[in-house]
N, C-alpha and C. Protein backbone atom coordinates (compact mmCIF):
# COMPACT_ATOMS: atom_id res chain seq x y z
N MET A 1 -14.15 25.32 -27.40
CA MET A 1 -13.26 24.48 -26.61
C MET A 1 -13.06 25.11 -25.23
N ALA A 2 -13.07 24.28 -24.22
CA ALA A 2 -12.91 24.75 -22.84
C ALA A 2 -11.46 25.17 -22.60
N ALA A 3 -11.25 26.06 -21.65
CA ALA A 3 -9.90 26.51 -21.31
C ALA A 3 -9.13 25.36 -20.65
N ALA A 4 -7.82 25.34 -20.89
CA ALA A 4 -6.98 24.27 -20.36
C ALA A 4 -6.79 24.46 -18.86
N LYS A 5 -6.99 23.40 -18.10
CA LYS A 5 -6.81 23.47 -16.65
C LYS A 5 -5.36 23.24 -16.27
N ILE A 6 -4.60 22.53 -17.11
CA ILE A 6 -3.18 22.32 -16.87
C ILE A 6 -2.44 22.84 -18.10
N LYS A 7 -1.43 23.67 -17.87
CA LYS A 7 -0.70 24.30 -18.95
C LYS A 7 0.79 24.01 -18.83
N LYS A 8 1.52 24.28 -19.90
CA LYS A 8 2.97 24.12 -19.92
C LYS A 8 3.58 25.01 -18.83
N GLY A 9 4.51 24.44 -18.07
CA GLY A 9 5.17 25.19 -17.00
C GLY A 9 4.54 25.01 -15.63
N ASP A 10 3.36 24.38 -15.57
CA ASP A 10 2.70 24.14 -14.28
C ASP A 10 3.42 23.05 -13.50
N GLU A 11 3.35 23.13 -12.17
CA GLU A 11 3.87 22.09 -11.29
C GLU A 11 2.73 21.11 -11.04
N VAL A 12 2.95 19.81 -11.32
CA VAL A 12 1.89 18.81 -11.16
C VAL A 12 2.36 17.65 -10.29
N VAL A 13 1.39 16.91 -9.74
CA VAL A 13 1.63 15.72 -8.92
C VAL A 13 1.01 14.53 -9.64
N VAL A 14 1.76 13.43 -9.74
CA VAL A 14 1.25 12.21 -10.40
C VAL A 14 0.36 11.47 -9.41
N LEU A 15 -0.86 11.12 -9.86
CA LEU A 15 -1.85 10.49 -8.99
C LEU A 15 -1.83 8.97 -9.05
N SER A 16 -1.41 8.39 -10.19
CA SER A 16 -1.44 6.93 -10.31
C SER A 16 -0.33 6.45 -11.23
N GLY A 17 -0.04 5.16 -11.14
CA GLY A 17 0.99 4.57 -11.98
C GLY A 17 2.29 4.38 -11.23
N LYS A 18 3.34 4.02 -11.99
CA LYS A 18 4.63 3.71 -11.38
C LYS A 18 5.30 4.90 -10.72
N ASP A 19 4.94 6.13 -11.15
CA ASP A 19 5.53 7.33 -10.60
C ASP A 19 4.60 8.06 -9.63
N LYS A 20 3.65 7.35 -9.05
CA LYS A 20 2.66 7.95 -8.15
C LYS A 20 3.34 8.73 -7.03
N GLY A 21 2.86 9.96 -6.79
CA GLY A 21 3.39 10.79 -5.73
C GLY A 21 4.52 11.72 -6.16
N ARG A 22 5.11 11.47 -7.33
CA ARG A 22 6.21 12.32 -7.79
C ARG A 22 5.66 13.63 -8.36
N THR A 23 6.47 14.66 -8.27
CA THR A 23 6.07 15.96 -8.82
C THR A 23 7.04 16.34 -9.93
N GLY A 24 6.56 17.20 -10.82
CA GLY A 24 7.40 17.67 -11.91
C GLY A 24 6.73 18.82 -12.63
N THR A 25 7.48 19.42 -13.54
CA THR A 25 6.99 20.54 -14.32
C THR A 25 6.52 20.04 -15.67
N VAL A 26 5.38 20.55 -16.13
CA VAL A 26 4.84 20.16 -17.42
C VAL A 26 5.71 20.78 -18.51
N SER A 27 6.26 19.92 -19.39
CA SER A 27 7.10 20.42 -20.48
C SER A 27 6.33 20.48 -21.80
N GLN A 28 5.24 19.70 -21.89
CA GLN A 28 4.46 19.69 -23.14
C GLN A 28 3.04 19.19 -22.85
N VAL A 29 2.06 19.80 -23.51
CA VAL A 29 0.67 19.37 -23.40
C VAL A 29 0.20 18.98 -24.80
N LEU A 30 -0.40 17.80 -24.91
CA LEU A 30 -0.91 17.30 -26.20
C LEU A 30 -2.42 17.19 -26.09
N PRO A 31 -3.16 18.30 -26.33
CA PRO A 31 -4.60 18.31 -26.09
C PRO A 31 -5.40 17.38 -27.00
N LYS A 32 -4.96 17.18 -28.24
CA LYS A 32 -5.71 16.30 -29.15
C LYS A 32 -5.69 14.85 -28.68
N GLU A 33 -4.57 14.44 -28.09
CA GLU A 33 -4.46 13.07 -27.58
C GLU A 33 -4.86 12.96 -26.11
N GLY A 34 -5.04 14.09 -25.44
CA GLY A 34 -5.38 14.09 -24.02
C GLY A 34 -4.22 13.62 -23.16
N LYS A 35 -2.98 13.96 -23.60
CA LYS A 35 -1.79 13.52 -22.87
C LYS A 35 -0.94 14.71 -22.48
N ILE A 36 0.02 14.41 -21.61
CA ILE A 36 0.87 15.44 -21.04
C ILE A 36 2.27 14.85 -20.85
N VAL A 37 3.31 15.68 -20.99
CA VAL A 37 4.69 15.24 -20.76
C VAL A 37 5.21 16.02 -19.55
N VAL A 38 5.69 15.29 -18.55
CA VAL A 38 6.18 15.90 -17.30
C VAL A 38 7.67 15.58 -17.16
N GLU A 39 8.46 16.60 -16.85
CA GLU A 39 9.91 16.43 -16.72
C GLU A 39 10.25 15.45 -15.60
N GLY A 40 11.08 14.45 -15.91
CA GLY A 40 11.55 13.50 -14.92
C GLY A 40 10.56 12.43 -14.50
N VAL A 41 9.39 12.38 -15.16
CA VAL A 41 8.35 11.41 -14.81
C VAL A 41 8.02 10.58 -16.04
N ASN A 42 7.72 9.29 -15.83
CA ASN A 42 7.37 8.37 -16.91
C ASN A 42 8.51 8.29 -17.93
N VAL A 43 9.73 8.07 -17.43
CA VAL A 43 10.91 8.02 -18.29
C VAL A 43 10.97 6.65 -18.98
N ALA A 44 11.07 6.69 -20.31
CA ALA A 44 11.15 5.48 -21.11
C ALA A 44 12.56 5.37 -21.70
N THR A 45 13.06 4.14 -21.85
CA THR A 45 14.37 3.93 -22.46
C THR A 45 14.20 3.34 -23.84
N ARG A 46 15.02 3.81 -24.78
CA ARG A 46 15.03 3.27 -26.14
C ARG A 46 16.46 2.88 -26.47
N HIS A 47 16.60 1.69 -27.02
CA HIS A 47 17.91 1.22 -27.44
C HIS A 47 18.09 1.62 -28.90
N ARG A 48 19.06 2.50 -29.16
CA ARG A 48 19.28 3.06 -30.49
C ARG A 48 20.48 2.39 -31.16
N LYS A 49 20.30 2.04 -32.44
CA LYS A 49 21.40 1.53 -33.22
C LYS A 49 22.30 2.69 -33.62
N PRO A 50 23.58 2.45 -33.83
CA PRO A 50 24.43 3.53 -34.32
C PRO A 50 24.01 3.97 -35.72
N THR A 51 23.98 5.27 -35.92
CA THR A 51 23.67 5.84 -37.23
C THR A 51 24.75 6.88 -37.55
N GLN A 52 24.67 7.47 -38.75
CA GLN A 52 25.65 8.50 -39.08
C GLN A 52 25.47 9.73 -38.20
N ALA A 53 24.23 10.04 -37.87
CA ALA A 53 23.96 11.18 -37.00
C ALA A 53 24.42 10.90 -35.57
N ASN A 54 24.27 9.64 -35.13
CA ASN A 54 24.66 9.24 -33.77
C ASN A 54 25.51 7.97 -33.87
N PRO A 55 26.82 8.12 -34.19
CA PRO A 55 27.65 6.93 -34.41
C PRO A 55 27.84 6.06 -33.17
N GLN A 56 27.66 6.63 -31.97
CA GLN A 56 27.83 5.87 -30.75
C GLN A 56 26.66 4.91 -30.50
N GLY A 57 25.43 5.35 -30.83
CA GLY A 57 24.25 4.53 -30.52
C GLY A 57 24.03 4.52 -29.02
N GLY A 58 23.47 3.44 -28.49
CA GLY A 58 23.33 3.30 -27.05
C GLY A 58 21.90 3.44 -26.56
N ILE A 59 21.77 3.65 -25.25
CA ILE A 59 20.46 3.72 -24.61
C ILE A 59 20.08 5.19 -24.43
N GLU A 60 18.88 5.52 -24.91
CA GLU A 60 18.38 6.89 -24.82
C GLU A 60 17.21 6.92 -23.85
N ARG A 61 17.27 7.85 -22.89
CA ARG A 61 16.17 7.99 -21.93
C ARG A 61 15.44 9.29 -22.20
N ARG A 62 14.11 9.22 -22.24
CA ARG A 62 13.31 10.43 -22.43
C ARG A 62 11.94 10.25 -21.80
N GLU A 63 11.29 11.39 -21.49
CA GLU A 63 9.97 11.35 -20.87
C GLU A 63 8.94 10.99 -21.92
N ALA A 64 8.08 10.04 -21.60
CA ALA A 64 7.01 9.63 -22.50
C ALA A 64 5.72 10.33 -22.08
N PRO A 65 4.81 10.58 -23.04
CA PRO A 65 3.54 11.20 -22.66
C PRO A 65 2.71 10.29 -21.77
N MET A 66 1.96 10.88 -20.85
CA MET A 66 1.06 10.12 -20.00
C MET A 66 -0.32 10.78 -20.04
N HIS A 67 -1.35 10.05 -19.68
CA HIS A 67 -2.70 10.58 -19.75
C HIS A 67 -2.86 11.72 -18.76
N ILE A 68 -3.56 12.75 -19.19
CA ILE A 68 -3.71 13.97 -18.39
C ILE A 68 -4.50 13.71 -17.10
N ALA A 69 -5.33 12.66 -17.09
CA ALA A 69 -6.11 12.34 -15.89
C ALA A 69 -5.25 11.74 -14.78
N LYS A 70 -4.02 11.34 -15.10
CA LYS A 70 -3.14 10.76 -14.09
C LYS A 70 -2.41 11.80 -13.26
N VAL A 71 -2.57 13.09 -13.64
CA VAL A 71 -1.89 14.15 -12.89
C VAL A 71 -2.89 15.17 -12.37
N ALA A 72 -2.51 15.87 -11.31
CA ALA A 72 -3.30 16.97 -10.77
C ALA A 72 -2.35 18.12 -10.48
N LEU A 73 -2.86 19.30 -10.60
CA LEU A 73 -2.06 20.48 -10.33
C LEU A 73 -1.62 20.50 -8.88
N ALA A 74 -0.37 20.89 -8.62
CA ALA A 74 0.12 21.01 -7.25
C ALA A 74 -0.35 22.33 -6.68
N ASP A 75 -0.92 22.28 -5.47
CA ASP A 75 -1.42 23.49 -4.80
C ASP A 75 -0.24 24.43 -4.54
N PRO A 76 -0.36 25.71 -4.90
CA PRO A 76 0.75 26.64 -4.68
C PRO A 76 1.12 26.80 -3.20
N LYS A 77 0.18 26.52 -2.30
CA LYS A 77 0.43 26.70 -0.86
C LYS A 77 1.26 25.56 -0.27
N ASP A 78 0.83 24.31 -0.50
CA ASP A 78 1.49 23.18 0.16
C ASP A 78 2.02 22.10 -0.78
N GLY A 79 1.80 22.23 -2.08
CA GLY A 79 2.33 21.26 -3.04
C GLY A 79 1.52 19.99 -3.18
N LYS A 80 0.40 19.89 -2.45
CA LYS A 80 -0.45 18.70 -2.56
C LYS A 80 -1.36 18.83 -3.78
N PRO A 81 -1.87 17.70 -4.31
CA PRO A 81 -2.74 17.79 -5.49
C PRO A 81 -4.05 18.52 -5.22
N THR A 82 -4.50 19.27 -6.20
CA THR A 82 -5.75 20.00 -6.08
C THR A 82 -6.44 20.07 -7.43
N ARG A 83 -7.76 20.27 -7.39
CA ARG A 83 -8.51 20.50 -8.63
C ARG A 83 -8.43 21.99 -8.96
N VAL A 84 -8.88 22.33 -10.16
CA VAL A 84 -8.79 23.71 -10.62
C VAL A 84 -10.17 24.22 -10.97
N ARG A 85 -10.43 25.47 -10.58
CA ARG A 85 -11.69 26.11 -10.94
C ARG A 85 -11.33 27.44 -11.60
N PHE A 86 -12.24 27.93 -12.42
CA PHE A 86 -12.04 29.23 -13.06
C PHE A 86 -12.91 30.25 -12.37
N GLU A 87 -12.34 31.41 -12.07
CA GLU A 87 -13.08 32.51 -11.46
C GLU A 87 -12.68 33.80 -12.16
N GLU A 88 -13.52 34.80 -11.99
CA GLU A 88 -13.20 36.10 -12.53
C GLU A 88 -12.75 36.99 -11.38
N ARG A 89 -11.50 37.42 -11.42
CA ARG A 89 -10.95 38.29 -10.39
C ARG A 89 -10.34 39.51 -11.06
N ASP A 90 -10.73 40.67 -10.62
CA ASP A 90 -10.27 41.95 -11.19
C ASP A 90 -10.54 42.02 -12.68
N GLY A 91 -11.68 41.46 -13.10
CA GLY A 91 -12.07 41.51 -14.51
C GLY A 91 -11.32 40.54 -15.40
N LYS A 92 -10.52 39.64 -14.81
CA LYS A 92 -9.77 38.65 -15.59
C LYS A 92 -10.20 37.25 -15.19
N LYS A 93 -10.25 36.34 -16.16
CA LYS A 93 -10.55 34.94 -15.88
C LYS A 93 -9.25 34.27 -15.46
N VAL A 94 -9.21 33.75 -14.22
CA VAL A 94 -8.00 33.14 -13.69
C VAL A 94 -8.29 31.73 -13.17
N ARG A 95 -7.20 30.93 -13.11
CA ARG A 95 -7.32 29.59 -12.53
C ARG A 95 -7.09 29.69 -11.03
N VAL A 96 -7.92 28.96 -10.27
CA VAL A 96 -7.86 29.01 -8.82
C VAL A 96 -7.80 27.58 -8.28
N ALA A 97 -6.91 27.33 -7.31
CA ALA A 97 -6.81 26.02 -6.66
C ALA A 97 -8.03 25.83 -5.77
N VAL A 98 -8.73 24.71 -5.92
CA VAL A 98 -9.96 24.46 -5.16
C VAL A 98 -9.65 24.31 -3.67
N LYS A 99 -8.55 23.62 -3.29
CA LYS A 99 -8.26 23.36 -1.89
C LYS A 99 -7.96 24.63 -1.10
N SER A 100 -7.09 25.49 -1.64
CA SER A 100 -6.65 26.65 -0.86
C SER A 100 -7.25 27.96 -1.31
N GLY A 101 -7.82 28.00 -2.51
CA GLY A 101 -8.38 29.25 -3.03
C GLY A 101 -7.32 30.19 -3.59
N GLU A 102 -6.07 29.71 -3.67
CA GLU A 102 -4.97 30.52 -4.21
C GLU A 102 -5.11 30.67 -5.72
N THR A 103 -4.75 31.82 -6.25
CA THR A 103 -4.71 32.04 -7.69
C THR A 103 -3.48 31.38 -8.26
N ILE A 104 -3.64 30.63 -9.35
CA ILE A 104 -2.53 29.91 -9.94
C ILE A 104 -1.78 30.78 -10.93
N ASP A 105 -2.50 31.58 -11.71
CA ASP A 105 -1.86 32.48 -12.66
C ASP A 105 -2.58 33.80 -12.69
N GLY A 106 -1.87 34.84 -13.08
CA GLY A 106 -2.49 36.15 -13.20
C GLY A 106 -2.59 36.79 -11.91
C-alpha cells in the first residue's frame, strides 16, 4: 500500500463542491472508502427524535465524509492548495509540498 499523502491533523483546502475554497483540519481519514472528514466543512444536519439518551431531540449538525480527491493539502508557506511528493531528506522519507518545496512533516 502506498503512503498516505493526506493525514489526520493536516491543513487542507477544498477544491470543489459547496464548500469550495474553504480550509480546515483533517479530523479523520477513511482510506478504505477513499473519504476524508474535515472540521467545519461539509456539515450535514440530522433531525433526531427524542430518545432516553437524548430526551430533547432536535437538529444535530456534524461533518460528513467527503471524497479525498475534493481536497488538496494547504501549502505551509502561503496556504494555497498544493500536490504532495515524497522525498528522502536526512535519511528519512518525508512529504514535500510540490509548489514551494517545503517539508510538510519531519
